[in-house]
Amino acid sequence: MEGHLKTDVVIIGAGLTGLVTAHYLLKSGISVKIVEKNSRPGGVIQTIREQGFTIESGPNTGVVSHPEIVELFEDLKEDCKIDIANPEAKKRLIWKDGEWHALPSGFLTAVKTPLFSLGDKFRILGEPFRKKGTNPNESIADLVVRRMGKSYLNYAIDPFISGIYAGDPSKLVTRFALPKLYNLEQTYGSFIRGGIKKHSEPKDQRTKKATKEVFSAKGGLQYLIDALVKSIGDENILLNCNEVTVSNDNQVFNISFLMGSIPVSLTSEKVISTAGGKEIEAIFPFIGQKQLKAITQLEYAKIVQVALGYRQWKGIDINAFGGLIPSIEKRRILGVLFPSSFFENRAPKGGALLSVFLGGIKHDEFYSLTDEEIQLLVEEEIGEMLKIKGIKADILKIFRYQYAIPQYTVTSEQRLEAINFVEKEHPGLILAGNIRDGIGMGDRIKQGRAIAEEMINK
């Protein structure tokens, strides 16, 4: 492929955002080339099938938070089917005082739960009558304590944030990290009042597709990636691309890189970047230093994920989605998912598959542990917590992600302003990916579709 190619759009990065964007652009007749640094498309999404276990090396699940998710699977239905989690295993467990407790799912369980203090249970009754906040950069922790109380922060929101962001709720800004929660208070004056009104609002047929259910793809998320790749065409995905740099010459972009040792150059009027914040400077040397600083200062949580498979499960009942560990409990893991409980065929019959997470913003030192140290740590923690002390997993795999989850802290406003400035300064360039618009798979699908539709409709 040595030489010079011209295409309508170049997408940098073959993760979920880039693949979804390319899928919709190509459907509309716009030519696309994806430039990917790794040897395979899909980003962190990869499914490993071994010894009867189906293991996800990256995200295990998403939430059907937007209709675009269902519509993508409808689009790819010949090659990929959506897999909705078993509703019988939707229970979320929280660790407190040496045992698991189910997170309340209704009024009666909320009254009876030992997770929250009696004072805060009474305090929650006054939540609809409290004034809404006036600080646009209020942290999630401050918002929750103000409206609900400290025990709700410690035993609901803190572990919830560990599960989503592997982050610190005292540093994450609500309107960026949890915009729906922020808007409930700002629009309706209350979480409870807003939740009731939102639930009762009439929804059109498209909006009803956003069921908030947990999803994957039948057989593993690799099927979603493979279906997108088939739709896009292998010839439109350039792998093993190194030293990627983009120059802007009178609103025509030149993209240069090495495929192995072969120099390649692309020309395009549109470039969509899904690169992480730490990669932007090297790829786009023409972006001003002020904007670069705002974008590249984005902090990431380091994550270690450990998959453990057991052919015969002999621990506690794990008919649940998973368990989260509040920071206040001083354990060494963030939480554990039970994929074999909520998706079929993830483990042999009678067996179990676990996904354990450690590290995050509060414990990034765990990322540097050796595999042997991580294995010992995880075996000790889940041995005690799931009552399987001394029982070795039949399969154990460790996955490390140095730049796993971006943290939407107080610097987010500067970053978003910088992105907007760069895009106005350089028409045809779009800076996308999880540096903005949310971190979940649903957010990535929605963003990719929105970018494609904006280009198609121009």
Protein backbone atom coordinates (compact mmCIF):
# COMPACT_ATOMS: atom_id res chain seq x y z
CA MET A 1 0.00 0.00 0.00
CA GLU A 2 3.00 2.29 -0.37
CA GLY A 3 2.04 5.64 -1.81
CA HIS A 4 -0.74 8.18 -1.59
CA LEU A 5 -4.48 7.54 -1.21
CA LYS A 6 -7.45 9.90 -1.18
CA THR A 7 -10.62 9.29 0.80
CA ASP A 8 -13.58 11.34 2.05
CA VAL A 9 -12.97 10.65 5.75
CA VAL A 10 -10.07 9.30 7.79
CA ILE A 11 -10.86 7.91 11.22
CA ILE A 12 -8.00 7.50 13.69
CA GLY A 13 -8.67 4.53 15.93
CA ALA A 14 -10.59 1.29 15.30
CA GLY A 15 -12.20 1.08 18.70
CA LEU A 16 -15.98 0.98 19.10
CA THR A 17 -16.45 4.71 18.37
CA GLY A 18 -14.41 4.59 15.18
CA LEU A 19 -16.04 1.40 13.91
CA VAL A 20 -19.58 2.64 14.54
CA THR A 21 -18.83 5.96 12.82
CA ALA A 22 -17.32 4.20 9.81
CA HIS A 23 -20.25 1.76 9.59
CA TYR A 24 -22.80 4.56 9.23
CA LEU A 25 -20.66 6.72 6.94
CA LEU A 26 -20.01 3.86 4.52
CA LYS A 27 -23.72 2.96 4.51
CA SER A 28 -24.42 6.44 3.19
CA GLY A 29 -21.83 6.18 0.41
CA ILE A 30 -19.04 8.21 2.03
CA SER A 31 -15.58 6.66 1.58
CA VAL A 32 -13.68 5.96 4.80
CA LYS A 33 -10.31 4.66 5.89
CA ILE A 34 -9.64 3.76 9.52
CA VAL A 35 -6.06 4.07 10.76
CA GLU A 36 -5.36 1.78 13.74
CA LYS A 37 -2.09 1.37 15.66
CA ASN A 38 -2.80 -2.18 16.90
CA SER A 39 -2.81 -5.46 14.99
CA ARG A 40 -6.56 -5.97 15.46
CA PRO A 41 -9.66 -3.74 15.47
CA GLY A 42 -11.94 -3.35 18.49
CA GLY A 43 -9.79 -1.39 20.92
CA VAL A 44 -10.04 -2.91 24.39
CA ILE A 45 -12.98 -5.11 23.38
CA GLN A 46 -11.87 -8.69 22.87
CA THR A 47 -13.55 -11.99 23.69
CA ILE A 48 -11.47 -15.04 24.60
CA ARG A 49 -13.02 -18.51 24.43
CA GLU A 50 -11.06 -21.14 26.32
CA GLN A 51 -11.86 -24.38 28.18
CA GLY A 52 -15.60 -23.71 28.00
CA PHE A 53 -15.31 -20.15 29.35
CA THR A 54 -16.18 -16.96 27.44
CA ILE A 55 -14.01 -14.18 28.84
CA GLU A 56 -14.09 -10.46 28.03
CA SER A 57 -10.68 -8.82 28.29
CA GLY A 58 -12.15 -5.30 28.29
CA PRO A 59 -15.67 -4.14 29.16
CA ASN A 60 -17.96 -7.00 30.18
CA THR A 61 -21.26 -5.21 29.69
CA GLY A 62 -22.97 -2.04 28.59
CA VAL A 63 -26.30 -0.43 29.45
CA VAL A 64 -29.06 0.15 26.90
CA SER A 65 -29.02 3.84 27.76
CA HIS A 66 -29.73 5.13 24.24
CA PRO A 67 -31.93 3.86 21.39
CA GLU A 68 -28.88 3.95 19.12
CA ILE A 69 -27.63 0.75 20.80
CA VAL A 70 -30.69 -1.28 19.86
CA GLU A 71 -30.68 0.25 16.37
CA LEU A 72 -27.05 -0.74 15.81
CA PHE A 73 -27.82 -4.36 16.68
CA GLU A 74 -30.88 -4.20 14.41
CA ASP A 75 -28.58 -2.98 11.65
CA LEU A 76 -26.15 -5.87 12.23
CA LYS A 77 -28.75 -8.56 12.97
CA GLU A 78 -27.47 -10.96 10.30
CA ASP A 79 -24.11 -11.25 12.06
CA CYS A 80 -24.66 -10.19 15.66
CA LYS A 81 -27.46 -10.46 18.21
CA ILE A 82 -27.93 -8.37 21.33
CA ASP A 83 -27.76 -10.32 24.60
CA ILE A 84 -29.81 -8.87 27.46
CA ALA A 85 -28.72 -9.83 30.98
CA ASN A 86 -30.82 -12.30 32.92
CA PRO A 87 -33.27 -10.23 35.03
CA GLU A 88 -33.15 -12.95 37.71
CA ALA A 89 -29.51 -12.01 38.35
CA LYS A 90 -29.88 -8.23 38.50
CA LYS A 91 -29.17 -7.96 42.23
CA ARG A 92 -26.22 -5.69 43.09
CA LEU A 93 -24.28 -6.59 46.22
CA ILE A 94 -22.42 -4.17 48.50
CA TRP A 95 -19.78 -5.29 51.01
CA LYS A 96 -20.22 -4.00 54.55
CA ASP A 97 -18.84 -5.22 57.88
CA GLY A 98 -17.59 -8.52 56.51
CA GLU A 99 -20.61 -9.59 54.45
CA TRP A 100 -22.59 -8.87 51.30
CA HIS A 101 -25.84 -6.91 51.35
CA ALA A 102 -28.17 -6.40 48.40
CA LEU A 103 -28.52 -2.79 47.26
CA PRO A 104 -32.16 -1.83 47.94
CA SER A 105 -34.49 -2.03 44.95
CA GLY A 106 -37.68 -0.73 46.55
CA PHE A 107 -39.14 1.20 49.48
CA LEU A 108 -39.35 -1.74 51.91
CA THR A 109 -35.81 -2.96 51.26
CA ALA A 110 -34.57 0.64 51.52
CA VAL A 111 -36.09 0.90 54.99
CA LYS A 112 -34.70 -2.45 56.16
CA THR A 113 -31.20 -2.30 54.66
CA PRO A 114 -28.25 -2.05 57.07
CA LEU A 115 -26.24 -0.18 54.41
CA PHE A 116 -27.50 3.28 55.37
CA SER A 117 -27.77 5.01 58.73
CA LEU A 118 -31.14 5.55 60.38
CA GLY A 119 -30.57 9.30 60.32
CA ASP A 120 -29.95 9.28 56.57
CA LYS A 121 -33.02 7.10 55.97
CA PHE A 122 -35.10 9.83 57.64
CA ARG A 123 -33.07 12.51 55.87
CA ILE A 124 -33.93 11.08 52.44
CA LEU A 125 -37.60 11.88 53.12
CA GLY A 126 -36.70 15.57 52.93
CA GLU A 127 -34.72 15.25 49.68
CA PRO A 128 -37.56 16.57 47.45
CA PHE A 129 -37.72 19.79 49.50
CA ARG A 130 -34.03 20.73 49.52
CA LYS A 131 -32.76 23.61 47.42
CA LYS A 132 -30.94 22.70 44.25
CA GLY A 133 -27.22 23.32 44.04
CA THR A 134 -25.71 26.44 42.50
CA ASN A 135 -22.11 25.26 41.98
CA PRO A 136 -21.77 23.98 38.39
CA ASN A 137 -18.56 22.18 39.34
CA GLU A 138 -19.94 20.45 42.43
CA SER A 139 -18.43 17.02 42.94
CA ILE A 140 -20.56 13.89 43.04
CA ALA A 141 -19.57 13.39 46.69
CA ASP A 142 -20.63 16.88 47.75
CA LEU A 143 -23.91 16.62 45.85
CA VAL A 144 -24.85 13.28 47.40
CA VAL A 145 -23.95 14.29 50.96
CA ARG A 146 -25.89 17.53 50.55
CA ARG A 147 -29.04 15.86 49.26
CA MET A 148 -28.93 12.37 50.81
CA GLY A 149 -26.34 12.00 53.54
CA LYS A 150 -22.89 10.53 54.18
CA SER A 151 -23.92 6.88 54.43
CA TYR A 152 -25.48 7.03 50.95
CA LEU A 153 -22.17 8.35 49.66
CA ASN A 154 -20.17 5.65 51.46
CA TYR A 155 -22.33 2.63 50.68
CA ALA A 156 -24.08 3.46 47.41
CA ILE A 157 -22.40 6.19 45.37
CA ASP A 158 -18.75 5.51 46.23
CA PRO A 159 -18.90 1.83 45.16
CA PHE A 160 -21.07 2.76 42.17
CA ILE A 161 -18.40 5.24 41.01
CA SER A 162 -15.72 2.59 41.58
CA GLY A 163 -17.69 0.27 39.31
CA ILE A 164 -18.15 2.81 36.51
CA TYR A 165 -15.14 5.14 36.63
CA ALA A 166 -12.79 3.38 39.06
CA GLY A 167 -12.71 6.93 40.33
CA ASP A 168 -13.04 9.19 43.35
CA PRO A 169 -16.50 10.77 43.78
CA SER A 170 -14.93 13.74 45.57
CA LYS A 171 -12.99 14.61 42.38
CA LEU A 172 -15.51 13.79 39.64
CA VAL A 173 -17.76 16.69 38.65
CA THR A 174 -21.41 15.66 38.53
CA ARG A 175 -22.46 17.54 35.39
CA PHE A 176 -19.68 15.86 33.38
CA ALA A 177 -19.47 12.42 35.02
CA LEU A 178 -23.18 11.86 35.78
CA PRO A 179 -25.02 14.44 33.66
CA LYS A 180 -28.40 12.72 34.02
CA LEU A 181 -28.19 12.95 37.81
CA TYR A 182 -27.10 16.59 37.59
CA ASN A 183 -29.99 17.41 35.26
CA LEU A 184 -32.52 15.73 37.55
CA GLU A 185 -31.65 18.20 40.29
CA GLN A 186 -31.28 21.23 38.02
CA THR A 187 -34.48 20.58 36.05
CA TYR A 188 -36.78 19.20 38.73
CA GLY A 189 -35.09 20.37 41.94
CA SER A 190 -34.85 16.86 43.33
CA PHE A 191 -33.63 13.35 42.48
CA ILE A 192 -36.83 11.77 43.79
CA ARG A 193 -39.24 14.28 42.27
CA GLY A 194 -37.30 14.26 39.00
CA GLY A 195 -37.19 10.47 38.87
CA ILE A 196 -40.96 10.23 39.37
CA LYS A 197 -41.69 12.87 36.72
CA LYS A 198 -39.27 11.37 34.21
CA HIS A 199 -40.83 7.94 34.72
CA SER A 200 -44.33 9.28 34.14
CA GLU A 201 -43.46 11.32 31.04
CA PRO A 202 -44.87 9.83 27.80
CA LYS A 203 -42.21 8.22 25.62
CA ASP A 204 -42.28 7.72 21.88
CA GLN A 205 -41.50 4.32 20.38
CA ARG A 206 -37.86 5.19 19.72
CA THR A 207 -37.21 6.48 23.24
CA LYS A 208 -38.71 3.27 24.66
CA LYS A 209 -35.83 1.35 23.10
CA ALA A 210 -33.55 2.80 25.81
CA THR A 211 -34.62 0.19 28.38
CA LYS A 212 -31.65 0.70 30.76
CA GLU A 213 -31.08 -3.07 30.63
CA VAL A 214 -27.58 -4.54 30.78
CA PHE A 215 -26.40 -5.86 27.42
CA SER A 216 -23.65 -7.68 25.60
CA ALA A 217 -23.58 -9.55 22.29
CA LYS A 218 -24.62 -13.19 22.05
CA GLY A 219 -21.44 -15.21 22.45
CA GLY A 220 -19.39 -12.20 23.53
CA LEU A 221 -18.70 -8.64 22.45
CA GLN A 222 -16.22 -9.83 19.82
CA TYR A 223 -19.26 -10.68 17.69
CA LEU A 224 -20.23 -6.99 17.70
CA ILE A 225 -16.73 -5.99 16.60
CA ASP A 226 -16.61 -8.71 13.92
CA ALA A 227 -20.01 -7.65 12.56
CA LEU A 228 -18.89 -4.01 12.32
CA VAL A 229 -15.64 -5.03 10.62
CA LYS A 230 -17.58 -7.14 8.10
CA SER A 231 -19.87 -4.17 7.38
CA ILE A 232 -16.94 -1.78 6.97
CA GLY A 233 -14.71 -4.15 4.97
CA ASP A 234 -11.16 -5.23 5.85
CA GLU A 235 -9.83 -3.08 3.01
CA ASN A 236 -11.03 0.04 4.83
CA ILE A 237 -9.27 -0.76 8.12
CA LEU A 238 -5.51 -0.18 8.09
CA LEU A 239 -3.81 -2.00 10.98
CA ASN A 240 -0.33 -1.75 12.53
CA CYS A 241 -0.12 1.96 11.72
CA ASN A 242 2.68 3.67 13.64
CA GLU A 243 4.00 7.23 13.88
CA VAL A 244 0.67 8.68 12.74
CA THR A 245 0.80 12.44 12.14
CA VAL A 246 -1.77 14.77 10.63
CA SER A 247 -1.05 18.08 8.90
CA ASN A 248 -3.61 20.65 7.80
CA ASP A 249 -2.98 22.38 4.47
CA ASN A 250 -5.77 24.81 3.51
CA GLN A 251 -8.46 22.60 5.04
CA VAL A 252 -7.08 19.48 3.36
CA PHE A 253 -5.67 16.98 5.83
CA ASN A 254 -2.62 14.86 5.10
CA ILE A 255 -2.31 11.77 7.27
CA SER A 256 1.12 10.11 7.25
CA PHE A 257 2.12 6.88 8.99
CA LEU A 258 4.10 3.67 8.72
CA MET A 259 2.38 0.34 8.12
CA GLY A 260 5.15 -1.82 9.46
CA SER A 261 8.08 -0.22 7.63
CA ILE A 262 6.04 0.99 4.64
CA PRO A 263 5.32 4.74 4.51
CA VAL A 264 1.69 5.55 3.67
CA SER A 265 -0.03 8.88 3.12
CA LEU A 266 -3.75 9.64 3.01
CA THR A 267 -5.47 12.84 1.93
CA SER A 268 -8.89 13.74 3.25
CA GLU A 269 -11.12 16.74 3.88
CA LYS A 270 -12.40 15.20 7.12
CA VAL A 271 -10.52 13.60 10.01
CA ILE A 272 -12.18 12.03 13.02
CA SER A 273 -9.87 11.25 15.92
CA THR A 274 -10.87 8.75 18.60
CA ALA A 275 -7.38 8.79 20.12
CA GLY A 276 -6.91 9.14 23.86
CA GLY A 277 -5.94 12.43 25.46
CA LYS A 278 -2.30 11.37 25.84
CA GLU A 279 -1.93 10.68 22.10
CA ILE A 280 -3.37 13.90 20.67
CA GLU A 281 -0.18 15.99 20.78
CA ALA A 282 1.91 13.58 18.68
CA ILE A 283 -0.84 13.07 16.09
CA PHE A 284 -1.88 16.72 15.66
CA PRO A 285 1.23 18.95 15.95
CA PHE A 286 -0.71 21.93 14.55
CA ILE A 287 -3.01 22.20 17.59
CA GLY A 288 -2.09 25.19 19.78
CA GLN A 289 -0.27 24.61 23.06
CA LYS A 290 -3.03 26.12 25.19
CA GLN A 291 -5.62 23.74 23.75
CA LEU A 292 -3.22 20.80 23.86
CA LYS A 293 -2.56 21.34 27.54
CA ALA A 294 -6.29 21.40 28.32
CA ILE A 295 -6.85 18.16 26.38
CA THR A 296 -3.75 16.20 27.40
CA GLN A 297 -4.08 16.89 31.14
CA LEU A 298 -6.99 14.43 31.19
CA GLU A 299 -6.34 11.92 33.98
CA TYR A 300 -6.94 8.20 33.50
CA ALA A 301 -7.62 5.41 35.98
CA LYS A 302 -5.28 2.44 35.73
CA ILE A 303 -7.20 -0.83 35.89
CA VAL A 304 -6.26 -4.46 36.35
CA GLN A 305 -8.96 -6.98 35.45
CA VAL A 306 -8.61 -10.60 36.52
CA ALA A 307 -10.85 -13.26 34.99
CA LEU A 308 -11.24 -16.46 37.01
CA GLY A 309 -13.07 -19.53 35.76
CA TYR A 310 -14.21 -22.47 37.90
CA ARG A 311 -15.55 -25.66 36.32
CA GLN A 312 -17.40 -26.45 39.54
CA TRP A 313 -18.53 -23.54 41.71
CA LYS A 314 -18.29 -24.25 45.45
CA GLY A 315 -18.57 -20.74 46.87
CA ILE A 316 -21.50 -18.61 47.99
CA ASP A 317 -24.64 -18.13 45.90
CA ILE A 318 -23.64 -15.74 43.11
CA ASN A 319 -27.02 -15.38 41.43
CA ALA A 320 -26.41 -11.63 41.11
CA PHE A 321 -24.88 -9.11 38.75
CA GLY A 322 -21.86 -8.63 40.97
CA GLY A 323 -20.51 -7.08 44.13
CA LEU A 324 -18.91 -3.70 44.82
CA ILE A 325 -16.65 -2.77 47.69
CA PRO A 326 -16.94 0.72 49.25
CA SER A 327 -13.64 2.51 49.84
CA ILE A 328 -14.46 2.83 53.53
CA GLU A 329 -14.25 -0.97 53.86
CA LYS A 330 -10.49 -0.88 53.06
CA ARG A 331 -10.41 -3.95 50.82
CA ARG A 332 -7.90 -4.41 48.00
CA ILE A 333 -10.33 -4.96 45.13
CA LEU A 334 -12.89 -2.57 43.63
CA GLY A 335 -15.48 -5.22 42.88
CA VAL A 336 -16.35 -8.46 41.15
CA LEU A 337 -18.78 -9.29 38.34
CA PHE A 338 -20.48 -12.67 37.90
CA PRO A 339 -20.82 -12.90 34.08
CA SER A 340 -21.86 -16.56 34.15
CA SER A 341 -24.86 -15.60 36.30
CA PHE A 342 -26.32 -12.99 33.97
CA PHE A 343 -25.28 -14.25 30.51
CA GLU A 344 -25.66 -17.78 29.15
CA ASN A 345 -22.73 -19.97 28.10
CA ARG A 346 -20.04 -17.96 29.86
CA ALA A 347 -18.90 -20.98 31.92
CA PRO A 348 -19.37 -24.77 31.81
CA LYS A 349 -22.58 -26.06 33.41
CA GLY A 350 -22.21 -25.98 37.20
CA GLY A 351 -19.23 -23.66 36.92
CA ALA A 352 -18.71 -19.93 37.31
CA LEU A 353 -16.86 -17.08 35.67
CA LEU A 354 -15.76 -14.07 37.72
CA SER A 355 -14.28 -10.75 36.63
CA VAL A 356 -12.40 -9.02 39.44
CA PHE A 357 -11.25 -5.40 39.20
CA LEU A 358 -8.52 -3.65 41.16
CA GLY A 359 -6.53 -0.45 40.97
CA GLY A 360 -8.34 2.69 39.90
CA ILE A 361 -7.60 6.26 40.90
CA LYS A 362 -7.35 5.50 44.61
CA HIS A 363 -5.02 2.52 44.22
CA ASP A 364 -3.01 2.95 41.04
CA GLU A 365 -0.07 1.23 42.75
CA PHE A 366 -1.75 -2.13 42.11
CA TYR A 367 -1.16 -1.67 38.39
CA SER A 368 2.59 -2.12 38.97
CA LEU A 369 2.30 -5.42 40.85
CA THR A 370 3.63 -8.56 39.20
CA ASP A 371 1.21 -11.16 37.85
CA GLU A 372 2.11 -13.42 40.77
CA GLU A 373 1.36 -10.66 43.30
CA ILE A 374 -1.95 -9.84 41.61
CA GLN A 375 -2.99 -13.49 41.53
CA LEU A 376 -2.18 -13.92 45.23
CA LEU A 377 -4.02 -10.70 46.16
CA VAL A 378 -7.14 -11.63 44.20
CA GLU A 379 -7.20 -15.20 45.51
CA GLU A 380 -6.94 -13.94 49.08
CA GLU A 381 -9.68 -11.33 48.64
CA ILE A 382 -12.27 -13.43 46.82
CA GLY A 383 -11.30 -16.51 48.82
CA GLU A 384 -12.57 -14.75 51.93
CA MET A 385 -15.41 -12.75 50.37
CA LEU A 386 -16.90 -15.53 48.20
CA LYS A 387 -16.04 -18.41 50.57
CA ILE A 388 -13.67 -20.23 48.21
CA LYS A 389 -10.47 -20.13 50.28
CA GLY A 390 -7.91 -22.59 49.00
CA ILE A 391 -9.87 -23.36 45.81
CA LYS A 392 -7.78 -22.58 42.74
CA ALA A 393 -9.39 -21.27 39.58
CA ASP A 394 -9.25 -23.62 36.58
CA ILE A 395 -8.43 -20.66 34.38
CA LEU A 396 -7.02 -17.26 35.37
CA LYS A 397 -6.19 -14.37 33.06
CA ILE A 398 -4.87 -10.92 33.92
CA PHE A 399 -5.50 -7.83 31.78
CA ARG A 400 -3.88 -4.44 32.45
CA TYR A 401 -4.99 -1.05 31.15
CA GLN A 402 -2.79 1.95 31.91
CA TYR A 403 -5.23 4.42 30.33
CA ALA A 404 -8.44 2.59 31.15
CA ILE A 405 -11.06 5.16 32.12
CA PRO A 406 -10.86 8.95 31.71
CA GLN A 407 -11.78 10.93 34.80
CA TYR A 408 -14.29 13.73 34.21
CA THR A 409 -12.95 16.06 36.89
CA VAL A 410 -12.99 19.86 37.21
CA THR A 411 -10.60 20.12 34.23
CA SER A 412 -13.35 18.80 31.94
CA GLU A 413 -14.76 22.25 31.18
CA GLN A 414 -11.38 23.48 29.91
CA ARG A 415 -10.97 20.30 27.86
CA LEU A 416 -14.38 20.61 26.20
CA GLU A 417 -13.80 24.30 25.47
CA ALA A 418 -10.43 23.42 23.92
CA ILE A 419 -11.99 20.70 21.76
CA ASN A 420 -14.66 23.12 20.51
CA PHE A 421 -12.00 25.75 19.77
CA VAL A 422 -9.83 23.29 17.83
CA GLU A 423 -12.77 22.05 15.76
CA LYS A 424 -13.78 25.62 14.85
CA GLU A 425 -10.19 26.57 14.08
CA HIS A 426 -9.74 23.51 11.85
CA PRO A 427 -13.01 22.76 10.01
CA GLY A 428 -13.28 19.09 9.10
CA LEU A 429 -11.44 17.89 12.21
CA ILE A 430 -13.46 16.17 14.94
CA LEU A 431 -11.92 15.15 18.27
CA ALA A 432 -14.07 12.33 19.58
CA GLY A 433 -13.76 9.15 21.63
CA ASN A 434 -14.15 8.98 25.39
CA ILE A 435 -12.32 12.26 25.98
CA ARG A 436 -15.89 13.62 25.81
CA ASP A 437 -19.54 12.52 25.80
CA GLY A 438 -19.27 9.63 28.24
CA ILE A 439 -17.23 6.50 28.82
CA GLY A 440 -19.69 3.61 28.43
CA MET A 441 -20.21 1.45 25.35
CA GLY A 442 -23.63 3.01 24.90
CA ASP A 443 -22.05 6.48 24.91
CA ARG A 444 -19.51 5.38 22.29
CA ILE A 445 -22.22 3.97 20.01
CA LYS A 446 -24.35 7.10 20.37
CA GLN A 447 -21.40 9.41 19.68
CA GLY A 448 -20.25 7.45 16.63
CA ARG A 449 -23.73 7.51 15.12
CA ALA A 450 -24.17 11.25 15.87
CA ILE A 451 -20.85 12.16 14.22
CA ALA A 452 -21.71 10.13 11.14
CA GLU A 453 -25.19 11.66 10.83
CA GLU A 454 -23.80 15.18 11.21
CA MET A 455 -21.39 14.55 8.32
CA ILE A 456 -24.03 12.85 6.18
CA ASN A 457 -26.52 15.70 6.65
CA LYS A 458 -24.08 18.54 5.92
